[in-house]
């Protein structure tokens, strides 16, 4: 059995900071087919490119544990991200104010 199939549990990007657990049932060099065990599955198995896999694990428990650890790691950066977003909004406001001021000054001169 290949290393890939010995690790049939994968984490797939869902959105920033969160990954869904995916069970790989079949795979080729280019694609994987399987299902999301934590979702209500209706219809045929899902197909993806192997590039969609963030990481592989040998068991469901290992995938869940890794996902929870990654969420905790993501959360460690929340305050810094909020601070950066605040600074970005302030910089965007300063840029907007400077742009408007420039337009108004040009209108007064000309």
Protein backbone atom coordinates (compact mmCIF):
# COMPACT_ATOMS: atom_id res chain seq x y z
CA UNK A 1 0.00 0.00 0.00
CA UNK A 2 1.35 3.43 -0.87
CA UNK A 3 2.19 6.03 1.75
CA UNK A 4 -0.68 8.09 0.37
CA UNK A 5 -3.29 5.41 0.97
CA UNK A 6 -1.80 4.57 4.36
CA UNK A 7 -2.86 8.11 5.21
CA UNK A 8 -6.45 8.16 3.86
CA UNK A 9 -7.63 11.00 6.11
CA UNK A 10 -6.96 14.46 4.78
CA UNK A 11 -7.61 18.04 5.74
CA UNK A 12 -9.07 20.15 2.97
CA UNK A 13 -9.22 23.95 3.09
CA UNK A 14 -12.73 25.13 3.92
CA UNK A 15 -12.02 28.79 4.61
CA UNK A 16 -9.21 30.76 6.19
CA UNK A 17 -8.28 29.13 9.47
CA UNK A 18 -10.51 26.09 9.09
CA UNK A 19 -10.11 22.77 7.32
CA UNK A 20 -12.64 20.01 6.76
CA UNK A 21 -11.79 16.38 7.33
CA UNK A 22 -12.02 14.29 4.16
CA UNK A 23 -11.77 10.51 3.79
CA UNK A 24 -9.97 9.44 0.63
CA UNK A 25 -11.55 6.31 -0.85
CA UNK A 26 -9.72 6.26 -4.19
CA UNK A 27 -6.88 8.20 -5.71
CA UNK A 28 -4.81 8.50 -8.82
CA UNK A 29 -1.68 10.52 -9.37
CA UNK A 30 -3.88 13.54 -10.13
CA UNK A 31 -7.15 13.18 -8.25
CA UNK A 32 -8.82 11.92 -5.11
CA UNK A 33 -12.35 10.70 -4.53
CA UNK A 34 -14.00 10.41 -1.15
CA UNK A 35 -16.36 11.97 1.34
CA UNK A 36 -16.60 14.34 4.29
CA UNK A 37 -17.49 12.22 7.34
CA UNK A 38 -18.74 15.20 9.36
CA UNK A 39 -21.27 16.25 6.70
CA UNK A 40 -24.56 14.78 5.64
CA UNK A 41 -23.55 13.22 2.34
CA UNK A 42 -26.04 13.11 -0.48
CA UNK A 43 -25.15 11.90 -3.94
CA UNK A 44 -21.97 10.47 -5.37
CA UNK A 45 -18.52 10.78 -3.76
CA UNK A 46 -16.67 14.06 -4.25
CA UNK A 47 -13.73 14.38 -6.64
CA UNK A 48 -10.78 16.81 -6.20
CA UNK A 49 -7.30 17.40 -7.48
CA UNK A 50 -4.67 16.01 -5.12
CA UNK A 51 -3.45 19.62 -4.80
CA UNK A 52 -6.55 20.35 -2.68
CA UNK A 53 -5.12 18.33 0.20
CA UNK A 54 -3.55 20.40 2.94
CA UNK A 55 -2.22 17.41 4.92
CA UNK A 56 -2.77 13.65 5.30
CA UNK A 57 -3.25 11.53 8.43
CA UNK A 58 -3.46 7.80 9.16
CA UNK A 59 -6.64 8.05 11.28
CA UNK A 60 -9.72 10.19 11.72
CA UNK A 61 -8.62 10.98 15.27
CA UNK A 62 -5.22 12.20 14.08
CA UNK A 63 -6.87 14.48 11.51
CA UNK A 64 -9.27 15.90 14.10
CA UNK A 65 -6.45 16.48 16.59
CA UNK A 66 -4.30 18.22 13.97
CA UNK A 67 -7.22 20.42 12.93
CA UNK A 68 -7.90 21.48 16.51
CA UNK A 69 -4.22 22.23 17.09
CA UNK A 70 -4.11 24.29 13.90
CA UNK A 71 -7.17 26.28 14.98
CA UNK A 72 -5.45 27.07 18.28
CA UNK A 73 -2.34 28.15 16.37
CA UNK A 74 -4.47 30.35 14.09
CA UNK A 75 -6.16 32.00 17.10
CA UNK A 76 -2.77 32.97 18.60
CA UNK A 77 -2.53 35.55 15.81
CA UNK A 78 -6.03 37.04 16.11
CA UNK A 79 -5.01 40.11 18.13
CA UNK A 80 -2.15 40.97 15.76
CA UNK A 81 -4.48 40.63 12.77
CA UNK A 82 -7.10 42.88 14.39
CA UNK A 83 -4.41 45.48 15.15
CA UNK A 84 -3.15 45.33 11.57
CA UNK A 85 -6.70 45.69 10.22
CA UNK A 86 -7.21 48.76 12.42
CA UNK A 87 -3.96 50.30 11.14
CA UNK A 88 -4.98 49.49 7.57
CA UNK A 89 -8.37 51.21 7.99
CA UNK A 90 -6.59 54.26 9.46
CA UNK A 91 -4.13 54.34 6.54
CA UNK A 92 -6.95 53.99 4.01
CA UNK A 93 -8.82 56.85 5.71
CA UNK A 94 -5.69 59.04 5.60
CA UNK A 95 -5.25 58.21 1.90
CA UNK A 96 -8.89 59.05 1.15
CA UNK A 97 -8.65 62.33 3.08
CA UNK A 98 -5.43 63.31 1.26
CA UNK A 99 -6.98 62.49 -2.11
CA UNK A 100 -10.07 64.61 -1.38
CA UNK A 101 -7.94 67.46 -0.06
CA UNK A 102 -5.83 67.38 -3.23
CA UNK A 103 -8.92 67.50 -5.44
CA UNK A 104 -10.43 70.36 -3.51
CA UNK A 105 -7.21 72.37 -3.49
CA UNK A 106 -6.86 71.89 -7.25
CA UNK A 107 -10.46 73.09 -7.68
CA UNK A 108 -9.74 76.25 -5.66
CA UNK A 109 -6.65 77.04 -7.75
CA UNK A 110 -8.11 76.45 -11.11
